[in-house]
Amino acid sequence: MDGPETFGSFNWLRLLLPFGLLAMGFFIGKAIENAHLRSLHRREIHWRRIPVSTLDAPPEGWRVTRAGLVDGSVVVSIDHWKRLLAGLRAIFGGRIRAYESLLERARREALLRMQENAHQRGFHGVVGTRLETARLATASRDGNGTAGVEILAFGTGVERAR
């Protein structure tokens, strides 16, 4: 006898459930990513008052009274969707846009955390800003793939004489 979820001898629920869970994960992940992008944008506007520069010296006209190391770091993990898309892209070649967006968000987050650290320590700007990345772990037993990446933003926080 056929139940409500079967058609003939094929059980459709067994087929639809995994795809439904994958779709749900995709849409929830996309919503979380979009919320993070909105948060980054708001915080970047807020922290514009703490300028960040890759130059080794403060802007001309700044009289620096104090300096110190400031940093901000973030660890990101690659979700299953991005890993799946990257695996498909590895077969055919080309840019892995899923990783690009993940790493862009991580870089922006690390820089914001560095600016927040500078503010907490009383600095008015950051010079000599650098970014470093480190692979934290492997995603599989055979050592292939990356489970997480740390992005570290650091520089010299400077206090400006008023």
Protein backbone atom coordinates (compact mmCIF):
# COMPACT_ATOMS: atom_id res chain seq x y z
CA MET A 1 0.00 0.00 0.00
CA ASP A 2 1.18 3.42 -0.88
CA GLY A 3 1.41 6.05 1.84
CA PRO A 4 0.98 9.76 1.18
CA GLU A 5 4.68 10.27 0.54
CA THR A 6 5.09 7.51 -2.00
CA PHE A 7 4.18 7.27 -5.64
CA GLY A 8 4.16 3.70 -6.72
CA SER A 9 7.12 2.01 -5.08
CA PHE A 10 9.33 5.16 -5.01
CA ASN A 11 9.59 7.13 -1.77
CA TRP A 12 9.74 10.81 -2.79
CA LEU A 13 10.33 12.00 0.77
CA ARG A 14 13.72 10.31 0.84
CA LEU A 15 14.68 12.22 -2.28
CA LEU A 16 13.18 15.58 -1.41
CA LEU A 17 14.31 15.79 2.22
CA PRO A 18 18.08 16.08 1.52
CA PHE A 19 17.50 18.62 -1.27
CA GLY A 20 15.13 20.57 0.97
CA LEU A 21 17.72 20.66 3.74
CA LEU A 22 20.42 21.77 1.28
CA ALA A 23 18.16 24.52 -0.08
CA MET A 24 17.30 25.64 3.45
CA GLY A 25 20.99 25.78 4.35
CA PHE A 26 21.75 27.79 1.23
CA PHE A 27 19.05 30.40 1.90
CA ILE A 28 19.83 30.70 5.61
CA GLY A 29 23.54 31.07 4.81
CA LYS A 30 22.78 33.73 2.21
CA ALA A 31 20.65 35.66 4.70
CA ILE A 32 23.43 35.52 7.31
CA GLU A 33 26.01 36.65 4.74
CA ASN A 34 23.82 39.59 3.66
CA ALA A 35 23.27 40.61 7.30
CA HIS A 36 27.05 40.56 7.85
CA LEU A 37 27.61 42.70 4.74
CA ARG A 38 25.09 45.28 6.02
CA SER A 39 26.80 45.25 9.43
CA LEU A 40 30.22 45.76 7.81
CA HIS A 41 28.92 48.70 5.81
CA ARG A 42 27.43 50.41 8.89
CA ARG A 43 30.61 49.89 10.91
CA GLU A 44 32.86 51.10 8.07
CA ILE A 45 30.88 54.34 7.96
CA HIS A 46 31.17 54.69 11.75
CA TRP A 47 34.93 54.03 11.87
CA ARG A 48 35.88 56.39 9.02
CA ARG A 49 36.99 58.78 11.74
CA ILE A 50 39.99 56.48 12.39
CA PRO A 51 41.92 56.69 9.09
CA VAL A 52 43.92 53.64 8.03
CA SER A 53 46.92 53.91 5.73
CA THR A 54 49.53 51.56 4.34
CA LEU A 55 52.04 54.42 4.33
CA ASP A 56 54.77 54.13 6.94
CA ALA A 57 54.36 57.69 8.18
CA PRO A 58 51.34 59.65 9.41
CA PRO A 59 49.76 62.28 7.17
CA GLU A 60 51.67 65.50 6.70
CA GLY A 61 50.83 67.98 9.42
CA TRP A 62 50.10 65.38 12.08
CA ARG A 63 52.18 65.82 15.20
CA VAL A 64 52.28 62.37 16.77
CA THR A 65 52.44 62.23 20.58
CA ARG A 66 52.18 58.47 21.04
CA ALA A 67 52.29 55.30 18.92
CA GLY A 68 51.73 51.60 19.44
CA LEU A 69 50.89 48.34 17.73
CA VAL A 70 47.20 47.73 17.01
CA ASP A 71 45.66 44.65 15.46
CA GLY A 72 42.45 42.92 14.55
CA SER A 73 41.99 39.35 13.46
CA VAL A 74 39.20 37.11 12.29
CA VAL A 75 39.02 33.39 11.64
CA VAL A 76 36.69 32.25 8.88
CA SER A 77 35.55 28.79 7.99
CA ILE A 78 34.49 27.69 4.57
CA ASP A 79 30.90 26.44 4.56
CA HIS A 80 29.76 23.35 2.68
CA TRP A 81 28.16 25.34 -0.15
CA LYS A 82 31.31 27.29 -0.87
CA ARG A 83 33.37 24.11 -0.63
CA LEU A 84 31.01 22.35 -3.09
CA LEU A 85 31.15 25.26 -5.54
CA ALA A 86 34.94 25.43 -5.23
CA GLY A 87 35.19 21.71 -5.92
CA LEU A 88 33.12 22.10 -9.08
CA ARG A 89 35.21 25.11 -10.12
CA ALA A 90 38.39 23.10 -9.57
CA ILE A 91 37.17 20.60 -12.16
CA PHE A 92 36.53 23.26 -14.82
CA GLY A 93 38.98 25.96 -13.71
CA GLY A 94 38.47 29.67 -13.22
CA ARG A 95 37.83 32.11 -10.39
CA ILE A 96 36.29 30.81 -7.20
CA ARG A 97 33.91 33.68 -6.50
CA ALA A 98 32.43 31.96 -3.43
CA TYR A 99 35.83 32.13 -1.70
CA GLU A 100 36.46 35.66 -2.93
CA SER A 101 33.35 37.00 -1.18
CA LEU A 102 34.20 35.10 2.00
CA LEU A 103 37.76 36.45 2.11
CA GLU A 104 36.63 39.98 1.23
CA ARG A 105 34.25 39.96 4.19
CA ALA A 106 37.02 38.59 6.42
CA ARG A 107 39.49 41.30 5.34
CA ARG A 108 36.95 44.02 5.98
CA GLU A 109 36.12 42.53 9.40
CA ALA A 110 39.82 42.32 10.38
CA LEU A 111 40.40 45.95 9.40
CA LEU A 112 37.35 47.08 11.37
CA ARG A 113 38.53 45.17 14.42
CA MET A 114 41.91 46.86 14.08
CA GLN A 115 40.24 50.29 13.95
CA GLU A 116 38.15 49.41 17.01
CA ASN A 117 41.34 48.35 18.82
CA ALA A 118 43.00 51.65 17.87
CA HIS A 119 40.02 53.59 19.21
CA GLN A 120 39.97 51.62 22.48
CA ARG A 121 43.64 52.48 23.00
CA GLY A 122 43.10 56.19 22.32
CA PHE A 123 44.71 56.38 18.88
CA HIS A 124 43.43 58.69 16.14
CA GLY A 125 44.69 56.76 13.10
CA VAL A 126 46.67 53.75 11.93
CA VAL A 127 49.73 53.83 9.65
CA GLY A 128 51.83 51.03 8.22
CA THR A 129 48.78 48.75 7.94
CA ARG A 130 49.49 45.23 6.77
CA LEU A 131 47.37 42.12 6.23
CA GLU A 132 48.50 38.55 6.82
CA THR A 133 46.68 35.29 6.22
CA ALA A 134 47.28 31.88 7.71
CA ARG A 135 45.73 28.52 6.96
CA LEU A 136 44.66 27.03 10.26
CA ALA A 137 43.77 23.43 9.63
CA THR A 138 43.03 20.91 6.95
CA ALA A 139 39.46 20.00 6.18
CA SER A 140 40.00 16.32 5.49
CA ARG A 141 42.05 13.43 6.75
CA ASP A 142 44.10 13.30 3.58
CA GLY A 143 45.32 16.85 4.22
CA ASN A 144 43.52 18.45 1.27
CA GLY A 145 41.43 21.56 1.67
CA THR A 146 41.36 24.25 4.30
CA ALA A 147 38.98 24.21 7.23
CA GLY A 148 39.72 27.76 8.31
CA VAL A 149 41.74 30.84 7.52
CA GLU A 150 42.86 33.60 9.86
CA ILE A 151 43.22 37.12 8.53
CA LEU A 152 45.24 39.48 10.70
CA ALA A 153 45.28 43.24 10.15
CA PHE A 154 47.96 45.15 12.06
CA GLY A 155 49.63 48.51 12.01
CA THR A 156 50.94 51.35 14.13
CA GLY A 157 48.28 53.27 15.97
CA VAL A 158 49.13 56.97 16.30
CA GLU A 159 47.81 59.59 18.66
CA ARG A 160 47.63 63.06 17.21
CA ALA A 161 48.35 66.18 19.24
CA ARG A 162 45.24 68.35 19.36
